[in-house]
Protein backbone atom coordinates (compact mmCIF):
# COMPACT_ATOMS: atom_id res chain seq x y z
CA UNK A 1 -10.50 -5.84 -26.31
CA UNK A 2 -9.20 -7.10 -29.45
CA UNK A 3 -6.18 -8.93 -30.25
CA UNK A 4 -4.22 -6.40 -31.92
CA UNK A 5 -4.41 -8.07 -35.04
CA UNK A 6 -6.06 -9.72 -37.74
CA UNK A 7 -6.51 -12.55 -35.57
CA UNK A 8 -6.50 -12.34 -32.02
CA UNK A 9 -8.06 -14.73 -29.86
CA UNK A 10 -8.03 -14.23 -26.29
CA UNK A 11 -8.73 -15.26 -22.93
CA UNK A 12 -10.19 -18.26 -21.85
CA UNK A 13 -11.00 -20.85 -19.65
CA UNK A 14 -12.39 -24.14 -18.68
CA UNK A 15 -12.09 -27.76 -18.31
CA UNK A 16 -13.21 -31.06 -17.19
CA UNK A 17 -16.72 -30.89 -15.86
CA UNK A 18 -16.63 -34.42 -14.57
CA UNK A 19 -17.03 -34.26 -10.84
CA UNK A 20 -20.44 -34.87 -9.33
CA UNK A 21 -23.07 -32.16 -9.10
CA UNK A 22 -23.14 -32.42 -5.33
CA UNK A 23 -19.40 -31.64 -5.32
CA UNK A 24 -20.10 -28.59 -7.46
CA UNK A 25 -22.75 -27.42 -5.04
CA UNK A 26 -20.30 -27.76 -2.19
CA UNK A 27 -17.62 -25.81 -4.03
CA UNK A 28 -19.84 -22.86 -4.85
CA UNK A 29 -21.79 -22.70 -1.59
CA UNK A 30 -20.54 -19.71 0.35
CA UNK A 31 -22.66 -20.40 3.43
CA UNK A 32 -21.15 -23.71 4.47
CA UNK A 33 -19.89 -23.96 8.05
CA UNK A 34 -16.13 -23.33 8.08
CA UNK A 35 -15.75 -25.68 11.03
CA UNK A 36 -16.87 -28.54 8.80
CA UNK A 37 -14.39 -27.70 6.05
CA UNK A 38 -11.23 -29.69 5.61
CA UNK A 39 -8.00 -28.20 4.40
CA UNK A 40 -8.38 -30.03 1.11
CA UNK A 41 -6.90 -28.30 -1.90
CA UNK A 42 -9.14 -28.70 -4.91
CA UNK A 43 -7.46 -29.29 -8.24
CA UNK A 44 -7.16 -26.73 -11.02
CA UNK A 45 -9.50 -28.91 -13.08
CA UNK A 46 -12.17 -28.84 -10.37
CA UNK A 47 -11.89 -25.09 -9.88
CA UNK A 48 -11.98 -24.42 -13.62
CA UNK A 49 -15.06 -26.58 -13.97
CA UNK A 50 -16.88 -24.33 -11.49
CA UNK A 51 -15.73 -21.23 -13.41
CA UNK A 52 -16.78 -22.76 -16.72
CA UNK A 53 -20.18 -23.77 -15.40
CA UNK A 54 -20.86 -20.28 -14.02
CA UNK A 55 -19.83 -18.57 -17.24
CA UNK A 56 -21.92 -20.89 -19.37
CA UNK A 57 -25.02 -20.66 -17.18
CA UNK A 58 -24.86 -17.03 -16.07
CA UNK A 59 -22.36 -15.32 -18.38
CA UNK A 60 -20.42 -14.23 -15.30
CA UNK A 61 -18.24 -15.50 -12.47
CA UNK A 62 -17.46 -13.83 -9.15
CA UNK A 63 -14.88 -15.02 -6.62
CA UNK A 64 -16.85 -13.39 -3.79
CA UNK A 65 -19.68 -15.89 -4.29
CA UNK A 66 -17.46 -18.95 -3.85
CA UNK A 67 -16.85 -21.08 -0.76
CA UNK A 68 -13.84 -20.53 1.48
CA UNK A 69 -12.36 -23.84 0.37
CA UNK A 70 -12.69 -23.15 -3.33
CA UNK A 71 -11.28 -19.66 -2.95
CA UNK A 72 -8.39 -20.88 -0.79
CA UNK A 73 -7.58 -23.63 -3.30
CA UNK A 74 -7.49 -21.06 -6.12
CA UNK A 75 -5.17 -18.88 -4.03
CA UNK A 76 -2.77 -21.77 -3.45
CA UNK A 77 -2.77 -22.58 -7.19
CA UNK A 78 -2.00 -18.90 -7.82
CA UNK A 79 1.30 -18.85 -5.92
CA UNK A 80 -0.54 -18.20 -2.63
CA UNK A 81 -1.09 -14.55 -3.64
CA UNK A 82 -4.25 -12.74 -2.55
CA UNK A 83 -5.63 -9.47 -3.87
CA UNK A 84 -7.25 -7.60 -0.97
CA UNK A 85 -9.41 -4.52 -1.05
CA UNK A 86 -9.99 -2.86 2.31
CA UNK A 87 -11.84 0.24 3.45
CA UNK A 88 -13.88 2.00 6.07
CA UNK A 89 -16.01 -0.61 7.90
CA UNK A 90 -18.75 2.03 8.29
CA UNK A 91 -19.28 2.28 4.53
CA UNK A 92 -18.43 -1.25 3.37
CA UNK A 93 -21.82 -2.46 2.25
CA UNK A 94 -20.80 -4.35 -0.87
CA UNK A 95 -17.92 -6.00 -2.68
CA UNK A 96 -19.61 -5.53 -6.02
CA UNK A 97 -17.93 -3.98 -9.03
CA UNK A 98 -21.11 -2.07 -9.76
CA UNK A 99 -21.40 1.61 -8.92
CA UNK A 100 -22.18 2.88 -5.46
CA UNK A 101 -22.95 6.41 -4.40
CA UNK A 102 -19.82 8.17 -5.76
CA UNK A 103 -18.79 9.98 -2.57
CA UNK A 104 -18.87 7.05 -0.10
CA UNK A 105 -17.39 4.90 -2.85
CA UNK A 106 -14.31 7.10 -3.30
CA UNK A 107 -13.91 7.48 0.48
CA UNK A 108 -13.73 3.69 0.55
CA UNK A 109 -11.44 3.22 -2.47
CA UNK A 110 -9.08 6.22 -2.44
CA UNK A 111 -6.46 6.54 0.32
CA UNK A 112 -6.42 10.33 0.09
CA UNK A 113 -10.22 10.62 0.16
CA UNK A 114 -10.42 8.30 3.16
CA UNK A 115 -7.84 10.37 5.02
CA UNK A 116 -9.66 13.59 4.15
CA UNK A 117 -12.83 12.08 5.57
CA UNK A 118 -11.05 11.34 8.84
CA UNK A 119 -10.93 7.58 8.32
CA UNK A 120 -7.92 5.92 9.92
CA UNK A 121 -7.33 3.96 6.73
CA UNK A 122 -3.65 3.37 7.46
CA UNK A 123 -4.52 1.92 10.84
CA UNK A 124 -7.10 -0.35 9.23
CA UNK A 125 -4.48 -1.68 6.82
CA UNK A 126 -1.97 -2.25 9.63
CA UNK A 127 -4.53 -4.13 11.73
CA UNK A 128 -5.37 -6.39 8.78
CA UNK A 129 -1.71 -7.15 8.10
CA UNK A 130 -1.11 -7.94 11.75
CA UNK A 131 -4.16 -10.20 11.72
CA UNK A 132 -2.75 -12.03 8.71
CA UNK A 133 0.63 -12.38 10.40
CA UNK A 134 -0.99 -13.79 13.53
CA UNK A 135 -3.14 -16.27 11.60
CA UNK A 136 -0.12 -17.41 9.62
CA UNK A 137 1.83 -17.96 12.82
CA UNK A 138 4.55 -15.48 11.87
CA UNK A 139 6.43 -14.00 14.78
CA UNK A 140 7.19 -10.30 14.58
CA UNK A 141 10.75 -9.12 14.47
CA UNK A 142 12.50 -5.78 14.11
CA UNK A 143 13.15 -6.29 10.40
CA UNK A 144 9.61 -7.05 9.32
CA UNK A 145 7.33 -5.45 11.90
CA UNK A 146 7.12 -2.01 10.31
CA UNK A 147 7.02 -3.01 6.63
CA UNK A 148 5.19 -6.34 6.97
CA UNK A 149 7.35 -7.66 4.15
CA UNK A 150 6.79 -11.18 5.41
CA UNK A 151 3.17 -11.03 4.18
CA UNK A 152 2.80 -7.84 2.10
CA UNK A 153 3.83 -8.32 -1.54
CA UNK A 154 2.43 -5.13 -3.08
CA UNK A 155 0.32 -2.15 -2.05
CA UNK A 156 -1.25 0.54 -4.18
CA UNK A 157 0.14 4.00 -3.44
CA UNK A 158 -3.24 5.56 -4.25
CA UNK A 159 -6.04 3.03 -3.68
CA UNK A 160 -7.04 0.89 -0.73
CA UNK A 161 -5.79 -2.39 -2.18
CA UNK A 162 -2.82 -4.68 -1.68
CA UNK A 163 -1.48 -8.13 -2.50
CA UNK A 164 -0.52 -10.43 0.34
CA UNK A 165 0.76 -13.99 0.60
CA UNK A 166 -1.02 -16.56 2.74
CA UNK A 167 -0.80 -20.29 3.31
CA UNK A 168 -3.60 -21.12 5.74
CA UNK A 169 -7.34 -21.49 5.26
CA UNK A 170 -7.98 -19.81 8.61
CA UNK A 171 -6.24 -16.66 7.38
CA UNK A 172 -8.62 -16.41 4.44
CA UNK A 173 -11.67 -17.11 6.61
CA UNK A 174 -10.77 -14.37 9.08
CA UNK A 175 -10.19 -11.90 6.26
CA UNK A 176 -13.58 -12.64 4.75
CA UNK A 177 -15.24 -12.14 8.14
CA UNK A 178 -13.68 -8.69 8.63
CA UNK A 179 -15.95 -5.70 8.07
CA UNK A 180 -12.91 -3.76 6.85
CA UNK A 181 -12.58 -6.06 3.83
CA UNK A 182 -14.19 -5.09 0.53
CA UNK A 183 -12.97 -8.09 -1.46
CA UNK A 184 -10.57 -11.02 -1.31
CA UNK A 185 -9.57 -12.63 -4.62
CA UNK A 186 -6.80 -14.89 -5.93
CA UNK A 187 -4.22 -12.53 -7.44
CA UNK A 188 -2.63 -14.97 -9.86
CA UNK A 189 -5.00 -17.87 -10.42
CA UNK A 190 -6.04 -16.86 -13.92
CA UNK A 191 -2.82 -18.26 -15.38
CA UNK A 192 -4.49 -21.64 -14.91
CA UNK A 193 -7.15 -20.60 -17.43
CA UNK A 194 -4.61 -19.79 -20.11
CA UNK A 195 -2.27 -21.71 -22.33
CA UNK A 196 1.44 -21.03 -22.23
CA UNK A 197 2.79 -17.77 -23.60
CA UNK A 198 4.12 -19.63 -26.65
CA UNK A 199 0.78 -21.24 -27.39
CA UNK A 200 -1.04 -17.94 -26.99
CA UNK A 201 1.32 -15.96 -29.22
CA UNK A 202 -0.77 -14.32 -31.91
CA UNK A 203 -0.13 -13.38 -35.49
CA UNK A 204 1.23 -9.99 -36.50
CA UNK A 205 -1.06 -7.05 -37.15
CA UNK A 206 -0.77 -7.22 -40.90
CA UNK A 207 -2.61 -9.63 -43.14
CA UNK A 208 -0.13 -8.91 -45.85
CA UNK A 209 2.24 -6.11 -46.75
CA UNK A 210 -0.05 -3.18 -46.18
CA UNK A 211 -1.21 -2.80 -49.76
CA UNK A 212 -4.60 -1.16 -50.46
CA UNK A 213 -4.97 -3.69 -53.27
CA UNK A 214 -5.58 -6.29 -50.57
CA UNK A 215 -8.96 -4.64 -49.99
CA UNK A 216 -10.11 -3.47 -53.46
CA UNK A 217 -12.63 -0.65 -53.47
CA UNK A 218 -12.32 -0.20 -49.72
CA UNK A 219 -10.46 3.12 -49.63
CA UNK A 220 -12.06 6.42 -50.63
CA UNK A 221 -9.24 8.94 -50.33
CA UNK A 222 -8.30 11.22 -53.16
CA UNK A 223 -4.85 12.12 -54.42
CA UNK A 224 -2.55 13.31 -51.66
CA UNK A 225 -4.95 12.13 -48.95
CA UNK A 226 -4.32 9.60 -46.17
CA UNK A 227 -5.80 6.09 -46.27
CA UNK A 228 -9.49 6.51 -45.52
CA UNK A 229 -11.61 3.33 -45.43
CA UNK A 230 -15.27 3.36 -46.44
CA UNK A 231 -16.24 2.84 -42.83
CA UNK A 232 -14.75 6.23 -41.91
CA UNK A 233 -16.73 7.79 -44.73
CA UNK A 234 -19.93 6.16 -43.54
CA UNK A 235 -19.46 7.75 -40.14
CA UNK A 236 -18.72 11.10 -41.86
CA UNK A 237 -15.33 11.36 -40.20
CA UNK A 238 -13.63 13.14 -43.15
CA UNK A 239 -16.48 15.68 -43.19
CA UNK A 240 -16.13 16.19 -39.44
CA UNK A 241 -12.43 17.04 -39.89
CA UNK A 242 -13.55 20.30 -41.50
CA UNK A 243 -14.96 21.24 -38.08
CA UNK A 244 -12.67 19.48 -35.61
CA UNK A 245 -9.38 17.56 -35.65
CA UNK A 246 -9.02 16.95 -31.92
CA UNK A 247 -6.75 19.92 -31.26
CA UNK A 248 -6.26 20.74 -27.59
CA UNK A 249 -7.61 17.41 -26.30
CA UNK A 250 -5.39 14.81 -24.63
CA UNK A 251 -6.24 11.13 -24.93
CA UNK A 252 -4.76 8.47 -22.67
CA UNK A 253 -4.03 5.05 -24.15
CA UNK A 254 -3.38 1.92 -22.06
CA UNK A 255 -1.85 -0.90 -24.06
CA UNK A 256 1.56 -2.51 -24.60
CA UNK A 257 3.14 0.62 -26.07
CA UNK A 258 4.07 1.51 -29.66
CA UNK A 259 6.99 0.06 -31.57
CA UNK A 260 10.17 1.99 -30.74
CA UNK A 261 11.08 1.90 -34.43
CA UNK A 262 7.82 3.45 -35.66
CA UNK A 263 8.72 7.11 -36.17
CA UNK A 264 5.09 8.20 -36.59
CA UNK A 265 5.04 8.35 -32.79
CA UNK A 266 8.27 10.23 -32.32
CA UNK A 267 7.73 13.79 -31.00
CA UNK A 268 9.00 15.36 -34.24
CA UNK A 269 6.87 13.36 -36.65
CA UNK A 270 3.86 13.28 -34.35
CA UNK A 271 3.77 17.08 -34.54
CA UNK A 272 4.68 17.23 -38.22
CA UNK A 273 1.61 19.39 -38.86
CA UNK A 274 3.11 22.13 -36.69
CA UNK A 275 0.07 22.44 -34.43
CA UNK A 276 2.12 22.08 -31.24
CA UNK A 277 0.55 18.81 -30.21
CA UNK A 278 2.46 16.46 -27.93
CA UNK A 279 3.02 12.77 -27.30
CA UNK A 280 4.25 11.31 -24.00
CA UNK A 281 5.18 7.67 -23.39
CA UNK A 282 5.20 6.00 -19.96
CA UNK A 283 5.34 2.50 -18.53
CA UNK A 284 3.67 0.85 -15.52
CA UNK A 285 4.03 -2.81 -16.48
CA UNK A 286 6.62 -4.70 -14.45
CA UNK A 287 7.00 -7.75 -16.62
CA UNK A 288 10.69 -8.42 -16.06
CA UNK A 289 12.21 -10.36 -13.19
CA UNK A 290 13.89 -7.31 -11.68
CA UNK A 291 10.54 -5.85 -10.66
CA UNK A 292 11.15 -2.55 -12.46
CA UNK A 293 9.01 -1.13 -15.26
CA UNK A 294 10.12 -2.73 -18.52
CA UNK A 295 9.98 0.42 -20.59
CA UNK A 296 7.47 2.38 -22.62
CA UNK A 297 7.67 0.55 -25.96
CA UNK A 298 6.37 -2.78 -27.21
CA UNK A 299 8.74 -5.65 -26.41
CA UNK A 300 9.74 -8.43 -28.78
CA UNK A 301 8.22 -11.11 -26.54
CA UNK A 302 4.86 -9.37 -26.08
CA UNK A 303 2.02 -11.73 -26.93
CA UNK A 304 0.27 -8.99 -28.90
CA UNK A 305 3.29 -6.99 -29.97
CA UNK A 306 1.73 -4.60 -32.50
CA UNK A 307 -1.49 -3.93 -30.61
CA UNK A 308 -0.41 -0.71 -28.92
CA UNK A 309 0.90 0.70 -32.20
CA UNK A 310 -2.38 -0.08 -33.88
CA UNK A 311 -4.50 1.59 -31.23
CA UNK A 312 -2.23 4.66 -31.14
CA UNK A 313 -2.61 4.87 -34.93
CA UNK A 314 -6.40 4.86 -34.87
CA UNK A 315 -6.60 7.51 -32.18
CA UNK A 316 -3.87 9.94 -33.13
CA UNK A 317 -1.60 9.10 -36.10
CA UNK A 318 -0.55 12.25 -38.01
CA UNK A 319 -2.23 13.00 -41.31
CA UNK A 320 0.01 11.97 -44.23
CA UNK A 321 -0.66 11.10 -47.84
CA UNK A 322 -1.12 7.39 -48.54
CA UNK A 323 -0.68 6.36 -44.90
CA UNK A 324 -2.94 5.53 -41.95
CA UNK A 325 -4.46 8.49 -40.12
CA UNK A 326 -5.84 8.89 -36.62
CA UNK A 327 -9.44 9.87 -36.04
CA UNK A 328 -8.23 12.82 -33.93
CA UNK A 329 -5.02 13.47 -35.84
CA UNK A 330 -4.34 16.74 -34.02
CA UNK A 331 -4.97 15.53 -30.46
CA UNK A 332 -2.30 14.97 -27.81
CA UNK A 333 -1.52 11.41 -26.77
CA UNK A 334 -0.34 9.97 -23.46
CA UNK A 335 0.54 6.31 -23.93
CA UNK A 336 1.07 3.87 -21.06
CA UNK A 337 2.65 0.47 -21.48
CA UNK A 338 0.48 -1.20 -18.85
CA UNK A 339 0.49 -4.78 -20.11
CA UNK A 340 2.05 -7.14 -22.64
CA UNK A 341 -1.20 -8.81 -23.69
CA UNK A 342 -4.83 -7.87 -24.25
CA UNK A 343 -6.07 -10.61 -21.90
CA UNK A 344 -5.25 -9.41 -18.38
CA UNK A 345 -4.71 -12.76 -16.70
CA UNK A 346 -1.71 -12.05 -14.43
CA UNK A 347 -1.42 -9.83 -11.37
CA UNK A 348 1.46 -7.98 -13.06
CA UNK A 349 -0.77 -7.09 -16.01
CA UNK A 350 -3.65 -6.14 -13.74
CA UNK A 351 -1.44 -3.95 -11.55
CA UNK A 352 0.16 -2.40 -14.62
CA UNK A 353 -3.18 -1.43 -16.14
CA UNK A 354 -4.60 -0.32 -12.78
CA UNK A 355 -1.58 1.93 -12.16
CA UNK A 356 -1.88 3.37 -15.67
CA UNK A 357 -5.54 4.18 -15.00
CA UNK A 358 -4.57 5.90 -11.75
CA UNK A 359 -1.80 7.93 -13.43
CA UNK A 360 -4.14 9.03 -16.22
CA UNK A 361 -6.88 9.82 -13.71
CA UNK A 362 -4.52 12.13 -11.85
CA UNK A 363 -3.39 13.88 -15.05
CA UNK A 364 -5.62 16.93 -15.37
CA UNK A 365 -4.84 17.27 -19.07
CA UNK A 366 -6.18 13.82 -19.95
CA UNK A 367 -9.90 13.80 -20.70
CA UNK A 368 -10.35 10.46 -22.46
CA UNK A 369 -8.95 6.98 -21.78
CA UNK A 370 -8.91 4.16 -24.33
CA UNK A 371 -8.27 0.58 -23.20
CA UNK A 372 -8.70 -2.34 -25.58
CA UNK A 373 -7.93 -5.01 -23.00
CA UNK A 374 -9.68 -6.86 -20.19
CA UNK A 375 -10.70 -10.26 -18.85
CA UNK A 376 -13.63 -12.69 -19.02
CA UNK A 377 -14.85 -11.89 -15.51
CA UNK A 378 -14.50 -9.13 -12.93
CA UNK A 379 -11.15 -8.19 -11.37
CA UNK A 380 -11.80 -6.02 -8.34
CA UNK A 381 -8.41 -4.28 -8.24
CA UNK A 382 -9.06 -3.05 -11.80
CA UNK A 383 -12.64 -2.15 -10.95
CA UNK A 384 -11.29 0.14 -8.22
CA UNK A 385 -8.99 1.88 -10.71
CA UNK A 386 -11.78 2.33 -13.28
CA UNK A 387 -14.03 3.87 -10.63
CA UNK A 388 -11.20 6.15 -9.52
CA UNK A 389 -10.61 7.37 -13.08
CA UNK A 390 -14.33 7.91 -13.61
CA UNK A 391 -14.52 9.93 -10.37
CA UNK A 392 -11.95 12.30 -11.91
CA UNK A 393 -14.27 13.02 -14.85
CA UNK A 394 -12.59 10.82 -17.47
CA UNK A 395 -14.46 9.18 -20.34
CA UNK A 396 -13.26 5.57 -20.36
CA UNK A 397 -13.70 3.63 -23.61
CA UNK A 398 -13.26 -0.13 -23.24
CA UNK A 399 -13.43 -3.00 -25.72
CA UNK A 400 -16.42 -5.31 -25.49
CA UNK A 401 -14.13 -8.22 -26.41
CA UNK A 402 -12.92 -10.21 -29.39
CA UNK A 403 -12.59 -13.95 -29.88
CA UNK A 404 -11.81 -15.00 -33.44
CA UNK A 405 -12.65 -18.57 -32.45
CA UNK A 406 -12.73 -20.51 -29.21
CA UNK A 407 -9.22 -21.21 -28.01
CA UNK A 408 -8.39 -24.88 -27.61
CA UNK A 409 -7.15 -25.27 -24.05
CA UNK A 410 -6.89 -29.02 -24.30
CA UNK A 411 -10.06 -29.28 -22.19
CA UNK A 412 -13.63 -28.18 -22.89
CA UNK A 413 -13.84 -24.93 -24.86
CA UNK A 414 -15.96 -21.97 -23.81
CA UNK A 415 -17.81 -20.15 -26.56
CA UNK A 416 -16.74 -16.78 -25.22
CA UNK A 417 -18.99 -14.44 -27.24
CA UNK A 418 -22.16 -16.33 -26.31
CA UNK A 419 -21.42 -17.24 -22.72
CA UNK A 420 -19.66 -14.08 -21.56
CA UNK A 421 -21.00 -11.27 -23.72
CA UNK A 422 -19.29 -7.97 -22.93
CA UNK A 423 -16.05 -8.58 -21.04
CA UNK A 424 -14.67 -6.74 -18.02
CA UNK A 425 -14.08 -3.79 -17.55
CA UNK A 426 -16.26 -2.76 -20.52
CA UNK A 427 -19.11 -4.41 -18.59
CA UNK A 428 -18.81 -1.79 -15.84
CA UNK A 429 -21.27 1.10 -15.74
CA UNK A 430 -18.30 3.48 -15.42
CA UNK A 431 -16.95 2.39 -18.81
CA UNK A 432 -18.20 2.97 -22.35
CA UNK A 433 -18.34 -0.40 -24.08
CA UNK A 434 -17.60 -0.48 -27.82
CA UNK A 435 -17.65 -3.31 -30.33
CA UNK A 436 -17.00 -3.83 -34.03
CA UNK A 437 -19.35 -4.66 -36.90
CA UNK A 438 -19.02 -5.95 -40.45
CA UNK A 439 -19.48 -3.62 -43.41
CA UNK A 440 -22.84 -3.44 -45.15
CA UNK A 441 -23.52 -1.50 -48.34
CA UNK A 442 -27.16 -1.14 -47.26
CA UNK A 443 -26.29 0.64 -44.03
CA UNK A 444 -27.74 -2.16 -41.95
CA UNK A 445 -25.77 -3.10 -38.83
CA UNK A 446 -24.17 -6.51 -39.27
CA UNK A 447 -22.73 -8.32 -36.29
CA UNK A 448 -19.05 -9.17 -36.38
CA UNK A 449 -18.84 -12.88 -35.57
CA UNK A 450 -15.61 -12.41 -33.60
CA UNK A 451 -16.86 -9.44 -31.60
CA UNK A 452 -18.57 -9.63 -28.23
CA UNK A 453 -22.01 -8.05 -27.99
CA UNK A 454 -24.57 -7.37 -25.29
CA UNK A 455 -26.72 -4.83 -23.49
CA UNK A 456 -23.64 -3.10 -22.08
CA UNK A 457 -22.48 -2.01 -25.57
CA UNK A 458 -23.03 1.68 -26.25
CA UNK A 459 -21.39 2.29 -29.65
CA UNK A 460 -20.05 0.41 -32.67
CA UNK A 461 -17.74 1.07 -35.59
CA UNK A 462 -17.29 -1.01 -38.73
CA UNK A 463 -13.88 -2.66 -38.72
CA UNK A 464 -14.40 -5.48 -41.24
CA UNK A 465 -15.16 -5.38 -44.96
CA UNK A 466 -17.20 -8.55 -44.64
CA UNK A 467 -17.53 -11.67 -42.54
CA UNK A 468 -14.18 -13.44 -42.53
CA UNK A 469 -12.22 -10.28 -43.42
CA UNK A 470 -11.91 -9.07 -39.88
CA UNK A 471 -9.14 -6.50 -40.16
CA UNK A 472 -10.00 -3.60 -42.42
CA UNK A 473 -8.73 -0.37 -40.84
CA UNK A 474 -5.13 0.59 -41.68
CA UNK A 475 -2.62 0.93 -38.84
CA UNK A 476 1.12 1.41 -38.62
CA UNK A 477 3.47 -1.50 -38.06
CA UNK A 478 7.08 -1.77 -36.93
CA UNK A 479 8.77 -0.23 -39.98
CA UNK A 480 8.32 3.50 -40.68
CA UNK A 481 6.00 4.07 -43.61
CA UNK A 482 4.66 0.51 -43.46
CA UNK A 483 1.21 -0.47 -42.34
CA UNK A 484 -1.12 -3.41 -41.95
CA UNK A 485 -4.75 -3.75 -40.94
CA UNK A 486 -6.58 -4.02 -37.64
CA UNK A 487 -10.17 -4.64 -36.62
CA UNK A 488 -12.78 -5.96 -34.17
CA UNK A 489 -13.65 -4.46 -30.80
CA UNK A 490 -10.12 -3.23 -30.07
CA UNK A 491 -10.03 -1.06 -33.18
CA UNK A 492 -13.63 0.09 -32.66
CA UNK A 493 -12.74 1.23 -29.14
CA UNK A 494 -9.78 3.33 -30.27
CA UNK A 495 -11.86 4.81 -33.10
CA UNK A 496 -14.59 5.93 -30.69
CA UNK A 497 -12.06 7.35 -28.26
CA UNK A 498 -10.80 9.43 -31.19
CA UNK A 499 -14.35 10.51 -32.00
CA UNK A 500 -14.79 11.67 -28.39
CA UNK A 501 -11.68 13.83 -28.83
CA UNK A 502 -13.19 15.44 -31.95
CA UNK A 503 -16.41 16.23 -30.09
CA UNK A 504 -14.64 17.56 -27.01
CA UNK A 505 -12.31 19.69 -29.13
CA UNK A 506 -15.34 21.20 -30.84
CA UNK A 507 -16.87 21.93 -27.41
CA UNK A 508 -13.90 22.53 -25.09
CA UNK A 509 -15.97 23.87 -22.19
CA UNK A 510 -18.17 20.77 -22.01
CA UNK A 511 -18.00 18.10 -19.33
CA UNK A 512 -17.46 14.45 -20.16
CA UNK A 513 -21.14 13.84 -19.50
CA UNK A 514 -22.10 16.42 -22.11
CA UNK A 515 -19.67 14.97 -24.65
CA UNK A 516 -21.05 11.47 -24.13
CA UNK A 517 -24.62 12.73 -24.43
CA UNK A 518 -23.85 14.43 -27.76
CA UNK A 519 -22.17 11.24 -29.06
CA UNK A 520 -25.20 9.19 -27.99
CA UNK A 521 -27.71 11.56 -29.59
CA UNK A 522 -25.67 11.50 -32.83
CA UNK A 523 -25.62 7.70 -33.10
CA UNK A 524 -27.47 5.84 -35.82
CA UNK A 525 -30.06 4.05 -33.67
CA UNK A 526 -30.71 6.77 -31.09
CA UNK A 527 -33.07 6.87 -29.21
CA UNK A 528 -33.77 3.17 -29.75
CA UNK A 529 -30.93 1.19 -28.15
CA UNK A 530 -30.31 -2.24 -29.64
CA UNK A 531 -29.99 -5.10 -27.15
CA UNK A 532 -26.63 -6.20 -28.60
CA UNK A 533 -25.16 -3.26 -30.54
CA UNK A 534 -26.22 -0.30 -28.44
CA UNK A 535 -26.85 2.90 -30.37
CA UNK A 536 -24.64 1.76 -33.24
CA UNK A 537 -22.15 3.99 -35.12
CA UNK A 538 -21.92 7.72 -34.47
CA UNK A 539 -22.56 10.32 -37.18
CA UNK A 540 -19.39 12.24 -36.37
CA UNK A 541 -20.24 15.30 -38.46
CA UNK A 542 -23.46 15.66 -36.50
CA UNK A 543 -21.63 15.14 -33.22
CA UNK A 544 -19.12 17.96 -33.75
CA UNK A 545 -21.66 20.60 -34.72
CA UNK A 546 -22.09 23.63 -32.43
C-alpha cells in the first residue's frame, strides 16, 4: 500500500500503555461471564493500548478475540456503528479472514449463492434486525418495520454484510451468541487510531519537477523512447514488450482515481496507439455528506491526491517519447475511485473499496485487480469482498505496506514494518502480496527500509535507486506532459499487476492460476522462497514466452 508518493506514511495506531496488566487481561479475555460485566465504556486510550500491545507482541489484532466490553466500548467510540457479517448457521464454523472451502464459503458470503443453495438468507437478516430492534427497545411502527431504518445504516447489495447502529451492551452480546453471525466489528473505530486529515496530509507525488536529471544515470531509454528506469531493464520489461504489450487484457484498479486534468487517461490519448484499447472510470466512494458517490477523479482534499494517477501510470500509461509508460501499455483499464486515502480507516473507505472489488469481480472482462491500499489489521467486510473477487477467478495484487517512518500520534509510536509485517488485505491467502526493494548494481535483493516485508510476500520490484531515494519510477502528475516519481510497495504492486497483464496477453487461454504459476516460476529466487521478499522480481521476458 504505499502512499502515493515520495513520502507516504500511513496508518497507525497506539497509545498509552499505562493501565495495569490485570486490566489488560480483562479487556482481552473473551470468555468472561457477561453477567459480571458492567456497562463501563473504556476510553480510547485503553482500547488503543490493547491494540498496540497485540500488534507489538503478535503482529496482528482481531476484534473477534476481544471481550464484549472492549468491543462494545470501541463501537460506542466509533459512532455506535457495527459491521455485521451474517450467513447460514449450518456452515458458519469460523469468523476468520483465512480461506475456507470455496463453495461453502461463497454460499455463506454471497447473497445470490446462498439463495441458489436454498438458504433463507433474507429471512436470517430480517430475524437479526428484529433481534437488534428488540434488544435496543425500539418499538416497531409502519414507517420502519419493513426497512428497519431505525437500526440498519447500510447493507451490501451483493454480500451478506451490513452496518447497524446499537447503543446497548446486551444487543452486542446477543449478536455474538447467534449462530447466524460470522463477525461483529466496530465499523468506524479506526478513526481513533489516526491523526486528523490535516495532520495526515501527505506530500505530492513528485520530488521535484519531473526531470530525469534528478536521478542521473537511472534511465536507459534511447532517442524517441519513453522513460525507462534501470529497474525495468533489470526485469527485462522492454525485451518482453517485443512479445507482449498487454493487448486484450483488462486490469481493474482500485484507488482514489486519476487527476481529471491528466489527459493521458482520456479515452482519446489512452488509445493514441490506435490499438482499440479502452479506459473506463467509475466511483464507489461516498465521501461527501450527501451520501452519493463523489465522482471518478481524484479530489483536491484527498489525503493522497496523486496516488491513483501514479498507479494508473505504472499499469497502463500509453507509450510516448520522453514520458512515463505503463508496464502493459496496450491493456484496457477499469479504474474505480474507491477511497480517498491509502489507509482504509473509515467505514466509507472500506465500503467504497469493498464495492469496487465486487463490481470488478462481476465484470467478466476484468482479469486482474490492483489495490495499493489497506489497513494494519483485518477488516472482515473487505475480506468478504476479496474472497468474492477471488471466487470469480481474478488475480488480486495488493501492497504489502509502506511506512516511511513511524507516524507521531502524540502517544507511543508503533514501528509498523517490524510489528505488523504485511498489511491487510495483502496478508490474505486470496491476495498476491507485493513489496518494493532498493536498487543494487550487483543484482542482490536489498530491502527497502520503508517497505513492509514478511512470509506473505510473493513478488518484489525495485522502486528506489538507493536507500533514502524512495521514489524512482516515473509517473504522471496533474498537468499533462508533467511527471514525478513514485515508489515503495504501492508502485511495486501496480508494476506486478501490469506484468500479469503481459503474461496473460501472451497466453490468453490460460486461467489466473496458470498465469500466477508462470510468474512464480519466472521469478529470480524460484524455487527458493525468501522469508521476507518471497520469490523476488520476475524475469518478465521469461514469463511471456510461449
